């Protein structure tokens, strides 16, 4: 796919690193499955929590920026975890391996 420029934000698009894309698409897939299960169980409140968790991830994939990834991780590991723990009295361990992959990616030096 060719890279493009998002004229609204002036952001160079089409440059999401493969490691990030793989982890994020795994998070999206797992979250969508959780939303489907919660919807089948008439748990609309949890559907909202989970949808709020992932709603910015497609844009991160489309127009990758390191700062967006950092914001997602900071939010997911504080706000989302708190909402999940409040509801289920445990941590969302299903996402932790992917979050670790993303943290590992961010710990590497940036390449241009």
Protein backbone atom coordinates (compact mmCIF):
# COMPACT_ATOMS: atom_id res chain seq x y z
CA UNK A 1 0.00 0.00 0.00
CA UNK A 2 1.34 3.42 -0.89
CA UNK A 3 1.90 5.98 1.81
CA UNK A 4 -0.31 9.01 1.90
CA UNK A 5 -0.69 12.32 3.66
CA UNK A 6 -3.70 13.01 5.84
CA UNK A 7 -4.54 16.56 4.83
CA UNK A 8 -6.60 17.18 7.97
CA UNK A 9 -3.71 16.53 10.34
CA UNK A 10 -0.74 16.83 7.99
CA UNK A 11 0.38 13.42 9.25
CA UNK A 12 2.36 11.04 7.08
CA UNK A 13 0.36 7.82 6.85
CA UNK A 14 1.08 4.25 5.92
CA UNK A 15 4.12 3.87 8.13
CA UNK A 16 2.96 1.71 11.04
CA UNK A 17 5.81 -0.61 12.04
CA UNK A 18 5.00 -4.30 11.57
CA UNK A 19 5.64 -5.13 15.25
CA UNK A 20 3.17 -2.46 16.33
CA UNK A 21 0.58 -3.44 13.71
CA UNK A 22 0.73 -7.09 14.76
CA UNK A 23 0.26 -6.32 18.47
CA UNK A 24 -2.49 -3.76 17.83
CA UNK A 25 -4.45 -6.02 15.49
CA UNK A 26 -4.28 -8.77 18.11
CA UNK A 27 -5.68 -6.34 20.70
CA UNK A 28 -8.42 -5.29 18.28
CA UNK A 29 -9.37 -8.90 17.53
CA UNK A 30 -9.53 -9.88 21.20
CA UNK A 31 -11.50 -6.75 22.09
CA UNK A 32 -14.01 -7.29 19.31
CA UNK A 33 -14.56 -10.85 20.53
CA UNK A 34 -15.09 -9.54 24.08
CA UNK A 35 -17.59 -6.97 22.80
CA UNK A 36 -19.45 -9.70 20.91
CA UNK A 37 -19.60 -11.93 24.00
CA UNK A 38 -20.72 -9.04 26.20
CA UNK A 39 -23.36 -8.04 23.65
CA UNK A 40 -24.68 -11.59 23.50
CA UNK A 41 -24.89 -11.48 27.28
CA UNK A 42 -26.79 -8.16 27.28
CA UNK A 43 -23.88 -6.40 29.00
CA UNK A 44 -24.00 -3.07 27.20
CA UNK A 45 -21.99 -1.34 29.93
CA UNK A 46 -19.02 -3.60 29.32
CA UNK A 47 -19.38 -3.17 25.56
CA UNK A 48 -18.88 0.56 26.13
CA UNK A 49 -15.79 0.00 28.30
CA UNK A 50 -14.21 -2.27 25.71
CA UNK A 51 -15.15 -0.11 22.73
CA UNK A 52 -13.65 2.88 24.53
CA UNK A 53 -10.46 0.84 24.97
CA UNK A 54 -9.97 0.30 21.24
CA UNK A 55 -11.68 3.15 19.41
CA UNK A 56 -8.44 5.05 18.62
CA UNK A 57 -6.42 2.02 17.53
CA UNK A 58 -7.51 2.01 13.86
CA UNK A 59 -6.18 5.55 13.47
CA UNK A 60 -2.92 4.51 15.13
CA UNK A 61 -2.57 1.80 12.48
CA UNK A 62 -3.51 4.13 9.65
CA UNK A 63 -1.33 7.06 10.68
CA UNK A 64 1.26 5.78 13.13
CA UNK A 65 2.89 8.23 15.50
CA UNK A 66 5.02 7.18 18.44
CA UNK A 67 3.21 9.68 20.68
CA UNK A 68 -0.16 8.07 19.84
CA UNK A 69 1.19 4.67 20.86
CA UNK A 70 2.58 6.12 24.09
CA UNK A 71 -0.79 7.75 24.89
CA UNK A 72 -2.67 4.52 24.19
CA UNK A 73 -0.39 2.48 26.45
CA UNK A 74 -0.51 5.04 29.26
CA UNK A 75 -4.31 5.13 29.11
CA UNK A 76 -4.78 1.36 28.69
CA UNK A 77 -2.51 0.54 31.59
CA UNK A 78 -4.21 2.97 33.96
CA UNK A 79 -7.76 3.97 33.05
CA UNK A 80 -8.80 0.86 31.13
CA UNK A 81 -7.23 -1.47 33.70
CA UNK A 82 -9.03 0.37 36.50
CA UNK A 83 -12.41 0.07 34.75
CA UNK A 84 -11.79 -3.60 33.97
CA UNK A 85 -10.68 -4.34 37.54
CA UNK A 86 -13.70 -2.50 38.96
CA UNK A 87 -16.02 -4.63 36.86
CA UNK A 88 -14.33 -8.04 37.02
CA UNK A 89 -12.15 -7.77 40.16
CA UNK A 90 -9.07 -8.82 38.21
CA UNK A 91 -6.62 -7.40 35.71
CA UNK A 92 -7.15 -7.72 31.93
CA UNK A 93 -4.32 -10.23 31.58
CA UNK A 94 -5.36 -11.15 28.02
CA UNK A 95 -3.87 -7.85 26.77
CA UNK A 96 -0.70 -7.81 28.83
CA UNK A 97 1.48 -9.78 26.37
CA UNK A 98 0.59 -7.33 23.59
CA UNK A 99 1.10 -4.31 25.82
CA UNK A 100 4.53 -5.72 26.70
CA UNK A 101 5.36 -6.09 23.00
CA UNK A 102 4.39 -2.46 22.46
CA UNK A 103 6.45 -1.32 25.45
CA UNK A 104 9.42 -3.29 24.13
CA UNK A 105 9.01 -1.58 20.77
CA UNK A 106 8.94 1.86 22.41
CA UNK A 107 12.07 1.05 24.41
CA UNK A 108 14.07 0.64 21.20
CA UNK A 109 15.74 3.69 19.66
CA UNK A 110 13.60 5.46 17.12
CA UNK A 111 14.59 4.93 13.51
CA UNK A 112 13.93 7.43 10.76
